[in-house]
Each structure stands twice: as structure tokens, then as C-alpha cells.
Amino acid sequence: MSEQLDLNLLRVFDALLQDSSVTAAAERLHLSIPATSRALGRLRRAMHDPILVRAGRGMAPTPFALRIAPRVRSLLDEASVLISADREVSIAELERTFTIRINDGVAVTLSAAVAEATAAAAPGVTLRFVAEGSESVEALRDGSVDLDIGASDVTAPDIREVLLYRERVVGIVRADSPLGKNRRPTLSQLCEYPHVSASRRGRARGPLDDVLDAAGLQRRVAAVVPTAAVAALLVATSNYVGLVPRRLAEQYGETLGIRWFPIAGLPDIDVRLLWHARLDAEPAQRWLRATIRDTVNGSRTSSGFPHPDSPR
């Protein structure tokens, strides 16, 4: 007879996939190493797959295990909601890892503040920030991502969202650049300097080019980098012009030795927090979402933009 899967075995599977180690999974679950090893044996028999295999000095998950891991994570989340929906959760004693997919321009200014606020209230919580690779909502649906923070414009009935803040994109130059002495450089002046484009997809063209096209102007993009943070570092050591979120420029401008200035015509960016509907009432998730909103609310004076506090 095949081994029967129960919730405890699925928790072991989830821990093994997170740590790729029997020893680490045992520590995470507060089990003995032999007990965790026996559970792995039961998982292998029940799933007809090795789950973890030797890879050098460590272990690596099999393709099958990687494929079903998000579904297992989703099932565990739903079970957690079912069990704890009407119970109080002790945030101070919470031990959990949340995976947050986040836009790089937002991560630079928000992730540290959110991590600090989370650690102060829940030292047992780990925030795992992952970069955007795709804006697909499937990661929220299958549980491989708990929250998404970025500029995604999602219209799906099972995805919840809240507007965290509205961001402005500004121009940046090195502090000693002649362009930096002008509080509002003209579009013509911007085109006199080489530009760096920040695009994880490797695109040289962006919203600024639409503004320049309308004015009959064209810029020269001399470099394309994957993140706004790299663009800021490059601008700090060159005569390039860059575009970054205003919060990034305000927070790190003095440290990096860069000046920022507004550029008329660039659209504002709505930074949103997204999650799946099944986690609406999950206490730990609700607490984390509130922590993120409160963190943004505490620092919103730097952007000058208000934000609503309810999903839509």
C-alpha cells in the first residue's frame, strides 16, 4: 500500500525544499535528524520520487520536487488560514519565512525599513526578497510568492491589491556636473549628455524618449544596466544622466554624491502591494501587509504623496 500523505509530511517536504538539507530542515521543524530522515523516506515512497538527491557535498531537489513545491506551499498556507482564522496569532513568537517579490527601484528604499520593522515585532520571521523575473500572478496563486510589491497593473478577480504610494521618476547627475547646477535642466540640455538606462529587460528606450520625441529631440543612451541602483552608482562616477525613483535619489543622493531634478512630462508610477485572495484573512499575512503599509506611511513625507489604506 502506498504511503499516505498528511499535513505533517507536507510540512517536512516544504522545509526540505527550502533548505535542501535534512539537518537544516530538522532544525527548522524542531525535529530530530533521524525523524526528519524517516519522513523523507516516507515522502519518497508516497511520491515515487527521490525528492532530494546528492549534489557534491550537499543535496539538490529533483525536477518533480521543484515542480510541486509551489502547490505544497499553497496547500500549507490554506491549511494555516483554516486552522488559525478565528485564533489570535502571537506575532512575537511567529517563526515563518515570507517571500516578497519586489521591484528593484522600490527594494532599494523600502526593503531595509520593512525588514527592520518586521524584526522589531517578530524576530523569528525571515523576509525573503526576490527580484522581479516575471510579473505573472501565477506565483501568487501557487504560493511561491507571498506578496508582490511593484508597478504591476493586475486585473484578476482572485488577486487583491492596495496602492502603497505614487512615485515620481527624476533625473540624476553627478553632484559636480554642470547640469546639476541647474535646478530644472531643459530637455535640450539633457540631450547634450550621454544617458544610462535602467532596465532589467535590457531596454534602452523608456518614457523619457516619448517626451523627447514630442519635443523633436533625441538622447544618446550610452549604457543599459539592470537596476536603478546600478544606474545611480554609474552616474555617481561618470558624466551620464540617469533616471531613478525620487525616493532613491532623496535617500542616497548625498551619500553617492549625486543631484536630482524633476523632468516635466514623465508619468508617475503607482507602487502597489499584491496578494492572493485566499490569504485575505490569514493573521500572519494580514499583520505583514499592515507592517508594510505602516512603514510606507511613516516615510511618505519624503515623496509627498498620500496613499489609500484599503484594498480595491
Protein backbone atom coordinates (compact mmCIF):
# COMPACT_ATOMS: atom_id res chain seq x y z
CA MET A 1 0.00 0.00 0.00
CA SER A 2 1.27 3.47 -0.86
CA GLU A 3 2.30 5.77 1.96
CA GLN A 4 -0.41 8.25 2.95
CA LEU A 5 0.45 11.94 2.84
CA ASP A 6 -0.61 14.08 5.78
CA LEU A 7 -0.11 17.72 6.68
CA ASN A 8 2.97 16.99 8.78
CA LEU A 9 4.67 15.23 5.87
CA LEU A 10 3.89 18.17 3.61
CA ARG A 11 5.50 20.49 6.18
CA VAL A 12 8.62 18.32 6.08
CA PHE A 13 8.59 18.44 2.29
CA ASP A 14 8.31 22.25 2.37
CA ALA A 15 11.21 22.55 4.83
CA LEU A 16 13.39 20.16 2.82
CA LEU A 17 12.78 22.15 -0.35
CA GLN A 18 13.57 25.45 1.39
CA ASP A 19 16.82 24.22 2.94
CA SER A 20 17.93 21.36 0.63
CA SER A 21 19.24 19.70 3.77
CA VAL A 22 17.85 17.13 6.17
CA THR A 23 19.77 18.66 9.07
CA ALA A 24 18.60 22.21 8.37
CA ALA A 25 15.02 21.05 7.82
CA ALA A 26 15.12 19.19 11.16
CA GLU A 27 16.27 22.37 12.92
CA ARG A 28 13.57 24.42 11.21
CA LEU A 29 10.86 21.94 12.25
CA HIS A 30 12.31 21.25 15.72
CA LEU A 31 12.58 17.55 14.89
CA SER A 32 15.43 15.11 15.34
CA ILE A 33 17.56 14.36 12.30
CA PRO A 34 16.53 10.65 12.30
CA ALA A 35 12.85 11.61 12.43
CA THR A 36 13.29 14.02 9.51
CA SER A 37 15.21 11.39 7.57
CA ARG A 38 12.40 8.88 8.13
CA ALA A 39 9.88 11.47 6.96
CA LEU A 40 11.93 11.98 3.79
CA GLY A 41 11.78 8.22 3.24
CA ARG A 42 8.00 8.29 3.58
CA LEU A 43 7.79 11.20 1.15
CA ARG A 44 9.89 9.33 -1.39
CA ARG A 45 7.66 6.28 -1.18
CA ALA A 46 4.45 8.30 -1.33
CA MET A 47 5.54 10.48 -4.24
CA HIS A 48 7.57 7.82 -6.07
CA ASP A 49 10.42 10.32 -6.40
CA PRO A 50 13.76 10.84 -4.58
CA ILE A 51 12.75 14.45 -3.68
CA LEU A 52 16.37 15.31 -2.75
CA VAL A 53 19.50 13.84 -4.35
CA ARG A 54 23.19 14.19 -3.63
CA ALA A 55 24.90 17.09 -5.42
CA GLY A 56 28.54 17.41 -4.41
CA ARG A 57 28.68 17.90 -0.66
CA GLY A 58 25.06 18.98 -0.47
CA MET A 59 21.68 17.92 -1.77
CA ALA A 60 19.53 19.26 -4.60
CA PRO A 61 15.79 18.92 -5.23
CA THR A 62 14.61 16.85 -8.17
CA PRO A 63 12.68 18.46 -11.05
CA PHE A 64 9.49 16.82 -9.76
CA ALA A 65 10.02 18.29 -6.29
CA LEU A 66 10.64 21.76 -7.69
CA ARG A 67 7.53 21.49 -9.84
CA ILE A 68 5.16 20.63 -6.98
CA ALA A 69 6.81 22.77 -4.27
CA PRO A 70 4.65 25.87 -5.00
CA ARG A 71 1.48 23.77 -4.79
CA VAL A 72 2.56 22.30 -1.46
CA ARG A 73 3.33 25.80 -0.16
CA SER A 74 -0.11 26.93 -1.26
CA LEU A 75 -1.79 23.98 0.49
CA LEU A 76 0.08 24.74 3.71
CA ASP A 77 -0.97 28.40 3.51
CA GLU A 78 -4.60 27.41 3.05
CA ALA A 79 -4.37 24.97 5.96
CA SER A 80 -2.88 27.70 8.11
CA VAL A 81 -5.76 30.00 7.26
CA LEU A 82 -8.28 27.27 8.07
CA ILE A 83 -6.71 26.47 11.42
CA SER A 84 -5.94 30.00 12.59
CA ALA A 85 -8.75 32.05 11.06
CA ASP A 86 -10.51 32.52 14.40
CA ARG A 87 -7.43 32.43 16.62
CA GLU A 88 -5.09 35.10 17.81
CA VAL A 89 -1.56 34.84 16.47
CA SER A 90 1.39 35.74 18.68
CA ILE A 91 3.48 37.82 16.29
CA ALA A 92 6.39 37.90 18.72
CA GLU A 93 6.55 34.08 18.63
CA LEU A 94 5.90 33.70 14.91
CA GLU A 95 8.50 31.66 13.03
CA ARG A 96 7.96 31.87 9.31
CA THR A 97 9.55 32.88 6.04
CA PHE A 98 7.68 35.23 3.72
CA THR A 99 8.73 35.54 0.10
CA ILE A 100 8.26 39.04 -1.32
CA ARG A 101 8.76 39.75 -5.00
CA ILE A 102 9.82 43.37 -5.29
CA ASN A 103 10.76 45.88 -7.96
CA ASP A 104 14.44 46.82 -7.71
CA GLY A 105 13.78 50.54 -7.58
CA VAL A 106 11.39 50.00 -4.68
CA ALA A 107 13.62 47.47 -2.91
CA VAL A 108 16.47 49.96 -2.51
CA THR A 109 14.38 52.28 -0.35
CA LEU A 110 11.73 50.03 1.18
CA SER A 111 13.18 46.59 1.93
CA ALA A 112 15.54 47.71 4.71
CA ALA A 113 12.82 49.67 6.52
CA VAL A 114 10.31 46.82 6.21
CA ALA A 115 12.88 44.26 7.41
CA GLU A 116 13.74 46.44 10.41
CA ALA A 117 10.10 46.94 11.37
CA THR A 118 9.39 43.22 10.96
CA ALA A 119 12.39 42.14 13.05
CA ALA A 120 11.41 44.52 15.86
CA ALA A 121 7.99 42.87 16.23
CA ALA A 122 8.70 39.32 15.05
CA PRO A 123 12.36 38.30 15.39
CA GLY A 124 11.52 34.77 14.21
CA VAL A 125 10.26 35.98 10.83
CA THR A 126 12.51 35.94 7.77
CA LEU A 127 11.71 38.15 4.80
CA ARG A 128 12.98 36.67 1.56
CA PHE A 129 13.07 39.42 -1.05
CA VAL A 130 13.31 38.15 -4.62
CA ALA A 131 13.77 40.21 -7.77
CA GLU A 132 11.15 40.51 -10.45
CA GLY A 133 11.65 37.95 -13.17
CA SER A 134 8.09 38.00 -14.34
CA GLU A 135 5.03 39.92 -13.22
CA SER A 136 2.91 36.77 -13.63
CA VAL A 137 0.28 36.37 -10.93
CA GLU A 138 0.74 32.59 -11.02
CA ALA A 139 3.46 32.91 -8.37
CA LEU A 140 0.89 34.47 -6.04
CA ARG A 141 -1.66 31.81 -6.91
CA ASP A 142 0.62 28.83 -6.34
CA GLY A 143 2.19 30.25 -3.16
CA SER A 144 5.79 30.53 -4.38
CA VAL A 145 5.47 34.28 -3.70
CA ASP A 146 3.54 35.62 -0.72
CA LEU A 147 3.44 39.27 -1.69
CA ASP A 148 4.33 41.35 -4.73
CA ILE A 149 5.47 44.97 -4.47
CA GLY A 150 5.90 46.90 -7.68
CA ALA A 151 4.25 48.72 -10.54
CA SER A 152 2.21 45.78 -11.82
CA ASP A 153 -1.24 46.64 -13.12
CA VAL A 154 -3.13 43.42 -12.41
CA THR A 155 -6.83 42.93 -13.10
CA ALA A 156 -7.61 39.43 -11.82
CA PRO A 157 -10.59 38.60 -9.59
CA ASP A 158 -8.52 36.45 -7.22
CA ILE A 159 -5.71 38.99 -6.72
CA ARG A 160 -6.03 41.70 -4.10
CA GLU A 161 -4.12 44.97 -4.23
CA VAL A 162 -3.53 48.18 -2.33
CA LEU A 163 -1.80 51.31 -3.57
CA LEU A 164 1.21 51.90 -1.32
CA TYR A 165 2.34 55.20 -2.83
CA ARG A 166 2.74 57.11 -6.06
CA GLU A 167 6.34 57.54 -7.17
CA ARG A 168 7.93 60.19 -9.35
CA VAL A 169 10.85 59.45 -11.66
CA VAL A 170 13.56 62.10 -11.58
CA GLY A 171 16.79 62.81 -13.41
CA ILE A 172 20.14 62.40 -11.67
CA VAL A 173 23.68 63.58 -12.42
CA ARG A 174 26.95 63.68 -10.55
CA ALA A 175 26.98 66.50 -8.00
CA ASP A 176 29.78 68.40 -9.75
CA SER A 177 28.21 68.08 -13.20
CA PRO A 178 27.40 71.42 -14.89
CA LEU A 179 23.93 70.02 -15.48
CA GLY A 180 23.47 69.52 -11.75
CA LYS A 181 23.80 73.25 -11.09
CA ASN A 182 20.56 73.84 -12.95
CA ARG A 183 17.56 73.03 -10.78
CA ARG A 184 15.41 72.35 -13.82
CA PRO A 185 17.50 71.49 -16.89
CA THR A 186 15.72 71.81 -20.20
CA LEU A 187 15.12 68.80 -22.42
CA SER A 188 17.68 70.17 -24.86
CA GLN A 189 20.27 70.34 -22.09
CA LEU A 190 19.54 66.74 -21.11
CA CYS A 191 20.27 65.62 -24.66
CA GLU A 192 23.74 67.17 -24.54
CA TYR A 193 24.91 64.41 -22.18
CA PRO A 194 25.08 60.61 -22.56
CA HIS A 195 22.42 58.64 -20.68
CA VAL A 196 22.28 55.39 -18.73
CA SER A 197 19.05 53.37 -18.94
CA ALA A 198 17.95 51.13 -16.06
CA SER A 199 16.02 48.16 -17.43
CA ARG A 200 16.05 44.56 -16.26
CA ARG A 201 14.90 43.62 -19.76
CA GLY A 202 17.84 45.44 -21.34
CA ARG A 203 15.78 48.15 -23.00
CA ALA A 204 17.39 51.42 -23.99
CA ARG A 205 14.10 53.19 -24.67
CA GLY A 206 11.76 54.42 -21.95
CA PRO A 207 9.13 57.06 -21.09
CA LEU A 208 11.68 59.88 -21.40
CA ASP A 209 12.09 59.07 -25.09
CA ASP A 210 8.38 59.66 -25.64
CA VAL A 211 8.72 63.09 -24.02
CA LEU A 212 11.75 63.88 -26.17
CA ASP A 213 10.02 62.65 -29.34
CA ALA A 214 7.16 65.06 -28.73
CA ALA A 215 9.69 67.89 -28.48
CA GLY A 216 11.57 66.78 -31.60
CA LEU A 217 14.62 65.75 -29.58
CA GLN A 218 16.66 62.59 -29.14
CA ARG A 219 19.06 61.41 -26.46
CA ARG A 220 22.01 59.05 -26.70
CA VAL A 221 21.86 56.05 -24.38
CA ALA A 222 25.48 55.05 -23.76
CA ALA A 223 24.80 52.26 -21.24
CA VAL A 224 21.96 49.96 -20.20
CA VAL A 225 22.08 48.42 -16.70
CA PRO A 226 19.66 46.03 -14.96
CA THR A 227 18.69 48.11 -11.90
CA ALA A 228 18.12 51.68 -10.77
CA ALA A 229 20.71 51.21 -8.01
CA VAL A 230 23.40 50.32 -10.55
CA ALA A 231 22.36 53.31 -12.65
CA ALA A 232 22.81 55.60 -9.63
CA LEU A 233 26.28 54.18 -8.95
CA LEU A 234 27.26 54.64 -12.59
CA VAL A 235 26.02 58.23 -12.64
CA ALA A 236 27.99 58.95 -9.45
CA THR A 237 31.24 58.07 -11.22
CA SER A 238 30.60 59.43 -14.72
CA ASN A 239 29.10 62.29 -16.69
CA TYR A 240 25.98 60.25 -17.52
CA VAL A 241 22.40 61.31 -16.93
CA GLY A 242 20.18 58.72 -15.27
CA LEU A 243 16.55 58.24 -14.27
CA VAL A 244 15.63 56.79 -10.87
CA PRO A 245 12.70 56.87 -8.42
CA ARG A 246 12.63 60.11 -6.44
CA ARG A 247 12.78 58.27 -3.12
CA LEU A 248 16.03 56.62 -4.14
CA ALA A 249 17.52 59.96 -5.19
CA GLU A 250 16.45 61.65 -1.97
CA GLN A 251 17.64 58.85 0.31
CA TYR A 252 21.01 58.16 -1.28
CA GLY A 253 21.80 61.29 -3.28
CA GLU A 254 24.06 62.93 -0.71
CA THR A 255 25.86 59.68 0.12
CA LEU A 256 26.54 58.89 -3.54
CA GLY A 257 27.36 62.47 -4.48
CA ILE A 258 24.54 62.92 -6.99
CA ARG A 259 21.97 65.64 -7.60
CA TRP A 260 18.41 65.06 -8.73
CA PHE A 261 15.94 67.23 -10.62
CA PRO A 262 12.37 66.89 -11.91
CA ILE A 263 11.65 66.26 -15.58
CA ALA A 264 8.32 67.57 -16.85
CA GLY A 265 6.13 65.13 -18.71
CA LEU A 266 7.29 61.88 -17.10
CA PRO A 267 4.35 59.82 -15.80
CA ASP A 268 4.04 58.98 -12.11
CA ILE A 269 4.32 55.32 -11.11
CA ASP A 270 1.80 53.62 -8.82
CA VAL A 271 3.59 51.23 -6.47
CA ARG A 272 1.17 48.52 -5.37
CA LEU A 273 1.10 45.66 -2.86
CA LEU A 274 -0.49 42.47 -4.25
CA TRP A 275 -1.52 39.17 -2.65
CA HIS A 276 -3.84 36.25 -3.34
CA ALA A 277 -7.43 36.30 -2.10
CA ARG A 278 -7.03 33.05 -0.15
CA LEU A 279 -4.71 34.93 2.25
CA ASP A 280 -7.12 37.80 2.96
CA ALA A 281 -7.92 36.58 6.45
CA GLU A 282 -4.66 34.79 7.30
CA PRO A 283 -3.50 36.53 10.51
CA ALA A 284 0.26 36.49 9.88
CA GLN A 285 -0.20 37.75 6.32
CA ARG A 286 -2.56 40.50 7.47
CA TRP A 287 -0.01 41.59 10.03
CA LEU A 288 2.81 41.70 7.45
CA ARG A 289 0.69 43.67 4.99
CA ALA A 290 -0.17 46.16 7.73
CA THR A 291 3.51 46.41 8.68
CA ILE A 292 4.45 47.23 5.09
CA ARG A 293 1.70 49.86 4.80
CA ASP A 294 2.68 51.40 8.13
CA THR A 295 6.33 51.52 7.06
CA VAL A 296 5.42 53.30 3.84
CA ASN A 297 3.10 55.63 5.73
CA GLY A 298 5.89 56.54 8.12
CA SER A 299 8.20 57.57 5.29
CA ARG A 300 5.72 59.02 2.81
CA THR A 301 6.60 62.61 3.66
CA SER A 302 9.72 62.23 1.51
CA SER A 303 7.60 61.55 -1.56
CA GLY A 304 4.81 63.96 -0.78
CA PHE A 305 2.16 61.52 -1.97
CA PRO A 306 -0.64 60.08 0.17
CA HIS A 307 -1.80 56.51 -0.19
CA PRO A 308 -5.09 54.74 0.48
CA ASP A 309 -5.22 52.08 3.15
CA SER A 310 -7.74 49.60 1.79
CA PRO A 311 -7.63 47.01 -0.99
CA ARG A 312 -9.52 47.64 -4.16
